[in-house]
Amino acid sequence: MRRAVTNLFVNALTHGHTTDRPAEIRLGVTTGGVLAVDDAGPGIPPDLADSLFDRFHSGSGSTGLGPSVAFRVTQAHGGTLTATDSPLGGARFTLRLPTHDR
């Protein structure tokens, strides 16, 4: 899970800003097993929305592996990873893990 969270954070840091502004990133965690990474970048281009978690698919010239690895790690732990628009104006990646009663 450390790799998944790191990849989401680095992705937001790298792509979550416009050329004239530094990156603005918010990380939120709930006790219900939900982590959200928001950025103030340009958002997810509509033509990438369906293939965002595919390996080697990037609209920015990067390797496209960060979101893909995060997605697969999350699935391996029984969770989900989604991408939507962020209230900051860019992208929001929401990672949900199953919780277990103690």
N, C-alpha and C. Protein backbone atom coordinates (compact mmCIF):
# COMPACT_ATOMS: atom_id res chain seq x y z
N MET A 1 0.82 -1.18 0.00
CA MET A 1 0.00 0.00 0.00
C MET A 1 0.87 1.26 0.00
N ARG A 2 2.05 1.15 0.60
CA ARG A 2 2.96 2.31 0.59
C ARG A 2 3.27 2.73 -0.84
N ARG A 3 3.49 1.76 -1.72
CA ARG A 3 3.79 2.06 -3.12
C ARG A 3 2.60 2.75 -3.79
N ALA A 4 1.40 2.29 -3.53
CA ALA A 4 0.21 2.88 -4.14
C ALA A 4 0.05 4.34 -3.71
N VAL A 5 0.15 4.60 -2.42
CA VAL A 5 -0.01 5.97 -1.91
C VAL A 5 1.11 6.87 -2.42
N THR A 6 2.33 6.36 -2.41
CA THR A 6 3.46 7.14 -2.93
C THR A 6 3.24 7.49 -4.39
N ASN A 7 2.80 6.53 -5.19
CA ASN A 7 2.57 6.80 -6.61
C ASN A 7 1.49 7.86 -6.82
N LEU A 8 0.43 7.80 -6.04
CA LEU A 8 -0.63 8.80 -6.17
C LEU A 8 -0.13 10.20 -5.78
N PHE A 9 0.65 10.26 -4.70
CA PHE A 9 1.18 11.54 -4.26
C PHE A 9 2.18 12.11 -5.27
N VAL A 10 3.08 11.28 -5.76
CA VAL A 10 4.07 11.74 -6.76
C VAL A 10 3.37 12.16 -8.06
N ASN A 11 2.33 11.42 -8.44
CA ASN A 11 1.57 11.77 -9.63
C ASN A 11 0.94 13.16 -9.46
N ALA A 12 0.36 13.43 -8.30
CA ALA A 12 -0.24 14.74 -8.04
C ALA A 12 0.83 15.83 -8.01
N LEU A 13 1.95 15.54 -7.43
CA LEU A 13 3.04 16.51 -7.36
C LEU A 13 3.59 16.83 -8.75
N THR A 14 3.69 15.82 -9.59
CA THR A 14 4.24 15.99 -10.93
C THR A 14 3.25 16.63 -11.90
N HIS A 15 2.00 16.18 -11.86
CA HIS A 15 1.03 16.62 -12.86
C HIS A 15 -0.05 17.54 -12.31
N GLY A 16 -0.05 17.75 -11.01
CA GLY A 16 -1.13 18.49 -10.37
C GLY A 16 -0.92 19.97 -10.24
N HIS A 17 -0.37 20.58 -11.27
CA HIS A 17 -0.21 22.03 -11.25
C HIS A 17 -0.18 22.56 -12.68
N THR A 18 -0.37 23.84 -12.80
CA THR A 18 -0.24 24.49 -14.11
C THR A 18 1.15 25.09 -14.19
N THR A 19 1.56 25.49 -15.37
CA THR A 19 2.94 25.95 -15.57
C THR A 19 3.25 27.22 -14.79
N ASP A 20 2.25 28.01 -14.45
CA ASP A 20 2.52 29.27 -13.76
C ASP A 20 2.30 29.21 -12.25
N ARG A 21 1.98 28.01 -11.72
CA ARG A 21 1.74 27.87 -10.28
C ARG A 21 2.43 26.62 -9.74
N PRO A 22 2.86 26.68 -8.48
CA PRO A 22 3.39 25.45 -7.86
C PRO A 22 2.25 24.48 -7.59
N ALA A 23 2.58 23.26 -7.33
CA ALA A 23 1.57 22.23 -7.07
C ALA A 23 0.85 22.52 -5.76
N GLU A 24 -0.47 22.33 -5.80
CA GLU A 24 -1.27 22.39 -4.58
C GLU A 24 -1.93 21.02 -4.44
N ILE A 25 -1.61 20.33 -3.36
CA ILE A 25 -2.07 18.96 -3.16
C ILE A 25 -2.70 18.85 -1.77
N ARG A 26 -3.79 18.13 -1.70
CA ARG A 26 -4.40 17.83 -0.41
C ARG A 26 -4.55 16.32 -0.28
N LEU A 27 -4.19 15.83 0.87
CA LEU A 27 -4.28 14.41 1.16
C LEU A 27 -5.24 14.25 2.33
N GLY A 28 -6.28 13.45 2.13
CA GLY A 28 -7.25 13.21 3.20
C GLY A 28 -7.37 11.73 3.47
N VAL A 29 -7.49 11.38 4.76
CA VAL A 29 -7.61 9.99 5.16
C VAL A 29 -8.75 9.90 6.17
N THR A 30 -9.61 8.90 6.01
CA THR A 30 -10.69 8.69 6.98
C THR A 30 -10.47 7.36 7.70
N THR A 31 -11.13 7.21 8.83
CA THR A 31 -11.02 5.96 9.58
C THR A 31 -11.75 4.83 8.86
N GLY A 32 -12.56 5.16 7.87
CA GLY A 32 -13.29 4.14 7.12
C GLY A 32 -12.51 3.52 5.99
N GLY A 33 -11.20 3.73 5.94
CA GLY A 33 -10.38 3.11 4.90
C GLY A 33 -10.38 3.85 3.58
N VAL A 34 -10.60 5.18 3.62
CA VAL A 34 -10.62 5.97 2.38
C VAL A 34 -9.51 7.01 2.42
N LEU A 35 -8.74 7.06 1.35
CA LEU A 35 -7.69 8.05 1.18
C LEU A 35 -8.00 8.81 -0.10
N ALA A 36 -7.95 10.14 -0.04
CA ALA A 36 -8.19 10.96 -1.22
C ALA A 36 -6.98 11.86 -1.45
N VAL A 37 -6.53 11.92 -2.69
CA VAL A 37 -5.44 12.81 -3.10
C VAL A 37 -6.02 13.77 -4.12
N ASP A 38 -6.06 15.06 -3.76
CA ASP A 38 -6.58 16.11 -4.63
C ASP A 38 -5.45 16.99 -5.12
N ASP A 39 -5.57 17.46 -6.36
CA ASP A 39 -4.60 18.43 -6.86
C ASP A 39 -5.32 19.55 -7.61
N ALA A 40 -4.58 20.63 -7.83
CA ALA A 40 -5.14 21.82 -8.49
C ALA A 40 -4.61 21.96 -9.91
N GLY A 41 -4.27 20.86 -10.53
CA GLY A 41 -3.73 20.88 -11.88
C GLY A 41 -4.79 20.99 -12.95
N PRO A 42 -4.45 20.61 -14.15
CA PRO A 42 -5.37 20.74 -15.27
C PRO A 42 -6.46 19.67 -15.29
N GLY A 43 -6.39 18.69 -14.42
CA GLY A 43 -7.40 17.63 -14.40
C GLY A 43 -7.06 16.51 -15.36
N ILE A 44 -7.99 15.60 -15.51
CA ILE A 44 -7.79 14.44 -16.37
C ILE A 44 -8.42 14.72 -17.72
N PRO A 45 -7.63 14.70 -18.78
CA PRO A 45 -8.20 14.93 -20.11
C PRO A 45 -9.26 13.87 -20.44
N PRO A 46 -10.38 14.29 -21.00
CA PRO A 46 -11.46 13.33 -21.29
C PRO A 46 -11.01 12.14 -22.13
N ASP A 47 -10.05 12.34 -23.03
CA ASP A 47 -9.61 11.24 -23.87
C ASP A 47 -8.76 10.21 -23.09
N LEU A 48 -8.33 10.53 -21.87
CA LEU A 48 -7.57 9.58 -21.05
C LEU A 48 -8.42 8.92 -19.97
N ALA A 49 -9.63 9.39 -19.76
CA ALA A 49 -10.45 8.92 -18.65
C ALA A 49 -10.65 7.40 -18.67
N ASP A 50 -10.89 6.82 -19.82
CA ASP A 50 -11.16 5.38 -19.90
C ASP A 50 -9.90 4.52 -19.79
N SER A 51 -8.74 5.11 -20.02
CA SER A 51 -7.51 4.31 -20.00
C SER A 51 -6.52 4.79 -18.94
N LEU A 52 -7.00 5.56 -17.99
CA LEU A 52 -6.14 6.18 -16.99
C LEU A 52 -5.31 5.18 -16.21
N PHE A 53 -5.87 4.01 -15.93
CA PHE A 53 -5.16 3.02 -15.13
C PHE A 53 -4.49 1.94 -15.97
N ASP A 54 -4.41 2.13 -17.28
CA ASP A 54 -3.70 1.21 -18.16
C ASP A 54 -2.20 1.50 -18.08
N ARG A 55 -1.41 0.46 -18.13
CA ARG A 55 0.05 0.64 -18.11
C ARG A 55 0.51 1.36 -19.38
N PHE A 56 1.51 2.19 -19.22
CA PHE A 56 2.18 2.90 -20.31
C PHE A 56 1.25 3.82 -21.08
N HIS A 57 0.19 4.29 -20.45
CA HIS A 57 -0.73 5.20 -21.13
C HIS A 57 -0.71 6.53 -20.39
N SER A 58 -0.11 7.52 -21.02
CA SER A 58 0.01 8.84 -20.40
C SER A 58 -0.15 9.91 -21.45
N GLY A 59 -0.81 10.96 -21.09
CA GLY A 59 -0.96 12.08 -22.02
C GLY A 59 0.10 13.14 -21.81
N SER A 60 0.99 12.93 -20.83
CA SER A 60 1.96 13.96 -20.49
C SER A 60 3.39 13.60 -20.86
N GLY A 61 3.58 12.47 -21.49
CA GLY A 61 4.93 12.06 -21.86
C GLY A 61 5.64 11.25 -20.79
N SER A 62 4.99 11.00 -19.66
CA SER A 62 5.61 10.17 -18.62
C SER A 62 5.38 8.69 -18.96
N THR A 63 5.86 7.81 -18.10
CA THR A 63 5.73 6.38 -18.38
C THR A 63 4.29 5.89 -18.25
N GLY A 64 3.47 6.59 -17.46
CA GLY A 64 2.10 6.16 -17.26
C GLY A 64 1.97 4.99 -16.31
N LEU A 65 3.01 4.72 -15.54
CA LEU A 65 2.98 3.57 -14.63
C LEU A 65 2.45 3.89 -13.24
N GLY A 66 2.57 5.12 -12.77
CA GLY A 66 2.17 5.47 -11.41
C GLY A 66 0.73 5.10 -11.08
N PRO A 67 -0.25 5.66 -11.80
CA PRO A 67 -1.65 5.30 -11.52
C PRO A 67 -1.93 3.82 -11.76
N SER A 68 -1.29 3.23 -12.75
CA SER A 68 -1.49 1.82 -13.06
C SER A 68 -1.04 0.93 -11.91
N VAL A 69 0.14 1.19 -11.37
CA VAL A 69 0.66 0.40 -10.25
C VAL A 69 -0.23 0.62 -9.02
N ALA A 70 -0.61 1.85 -8.75
CA ALA A 70 -1.48 2.14 -7.60
C ALA A 70 -2.80 1.38 -7.73
N PHE A 71 -3.35 1.33 -8.92
CA PHE A 71 -4.61 0.63 -9.18
C PHE A 71 -4.46 -0.86 -8.89
N ARG A 72 -3.40 -1.47 -9.39
CA ARG A 72 -3.21 -2.91 -9.21
C ARG A 72 -2.89 -3.29 -7.76
N VAL A 73 -2.12 -2.47 -7.08
CA VAL A 73 -1.82 -2.72 -5.67
C VAL A 73 -3.12 -2.63 -4.86
N THR A 74 -3.91 -1.61 -5.14
CA THR A 74 -5.18 -1.44 -4.42
C THR A 74 -6.10 -2.63 -4.65
N GLN A 75 -6.20 -3.09 -5.89
CA GLN A 75 -7.03 -4.27 -6.19
C GLN A 75 -6.51 -5.51 -5.45
N ALA A 76 -5.20 -5.67 -5.38
CA ALA A 76 -4.62 -6.82 -4.71
C ALA A 76 -4.98 -6.86 -3.23
N HIS A 77 -5.29 -5.69 -2.66
CA HIS A 77 -5.68 -5.61 -1.26
C HIS A 77 -7.19 -5.55 -1.09
N GLY A 78 -7.92 -5.85 -2.17
CA GLY A 78 -9.38 -5.89 -2.11
C GLY A 78 -10.05 -4.54 -2.15
N GLY A 79 -9.32 -3.51 -2.58
CA GLY A 79 -9.86 -2.15 -2.61
C GLY A 79 -10.18 -1.66 -4.00
N THR A 80 -10.55 -0.40 -4.06
CA THR A 80 -10.84 0.24 -5.34
C THR A 80 -10.09 1.56 -5.43
N LEU A 81 -9.82 1.98 -6.65
CA LEU A 81 -9.19 3.26 -6.91
C LEU A 81 -9.96 3.92 -8.04
N THR A 82 -10.43 5.14 -7.81
CA THR A 82 -11.18 5.88 -8.82
C THR A 82 -10.56 7.25 -9.01
N ALA A 83 -10.84 7.85 -10.15
CA ALA A 83 -10.38 9.20 -10.44
C ALA A 83 -11.58 10.03 -10.87
N THR A 84 -11.69 11.21 -10.27
CA THR A 84 -12.77 12.14 -10.58
C THR A 84 -12.21 13.55 -10.58
N ASP A 85 -13.09 14.52 -10.79
CA ASP A 85 -12.68 15.92 -10.69
C ASP A 85 -12.50 16.29 -9.22
N SER A 86 -11.54 17.16 -8.97
CA SER A 86 -11.24 17.60 -7.61
C SER A 86 -11.89 18.96 -7.34
N PRO A 87 -12.28 19.21 -6.11
CA PRO A 87 -12.75 20.55 -5.75
C PRO A 87 -11.67 21.62 -5.93
N LEU A 88 -10.41 21.19 -5.99
CA LEU A 88 -9.31 22.13 -6.22
C LEU A 88 -9.18 22.51 -7.70
N GLY A 89 -9.92 21.82 -8.55
CA GLY A 89 -9.87 22.13 -9.98
C GLY A 89 -9.15 21.10 -10.82
N GLY A 90 -8.39 20.24 -10.21
CA GLY A 90 -7.64 19.22 -10.95
C GLY A 90 -8.28 17.86 -10.82
N ALA A 91 -7.49 16.89 -10.40
CA ALA A 91 -7.95 15.50 -10.28
C ALA A 91 -8.03 15.09 -8.82
N ARG A 92 -8.95 14.18 -8.55
CA ARG A 92 -9.04 13.54 -7.24
C ARG A 92 -8.92 12.03 -7.46
N PHE A 93 -7.97 11.42 -6.79
CA PHE A 93 -7.84 9.97 -6.77
C PHE A 93 -8.33 9.50 -5.40
N THR A 94 -9.30 8.60 -5.42
CA THR A 94 -9.87 8.09 -4.17
C THR A 94 -9.59 6.59 -4.07
N LEU A 95 -8.85 6.24 -3.02
CA LEU A 95 -8.48 4.86 -2.77
C LEU A 95 -9.31 4.37 -1.58
N ARG A 96 -10.05 3.30 -1.80
CA ARG A 96 -10.90 2.72 -0.74
C ARG A 96 -10.43 1.30 -0.45
N LEU A 97 -10.21 1.03 0.83
CA LEU A 97 -9.83 -0.32 1.26
C LEU A 97 -10.94 -0.90 2.12
N PRO A 98 -11.11 -2.20 2.06
CA PRO A 98 -12.12 -2.80 2.93
C PRO A 98 -11.70 -2.66 4.39
N THR A 99 -12.68 -2.46 5.24
CA THR A 99 -12.40 -2.39 6.68
C THR A 99 -12.92 -3.67 7.32
N HIS A 100 -12.33 -4.01 8.42
CA HIS A 100 -12.71 -5.24 9.13
C HIS A 100 -13.10 -4.87 10.54
N ASP A 101 -14.20 -5.42 11.02
CA ASP A 101 -14.60 -5.22 12.41
C ASP A 101 -13.66 -5.99 13.30
N ARG A 102 -13.36 -5.40 14.43
CA ARG A 102 -12.45 -6.08 15.38
C ARG A 102 -13.24 -6.74 16.46
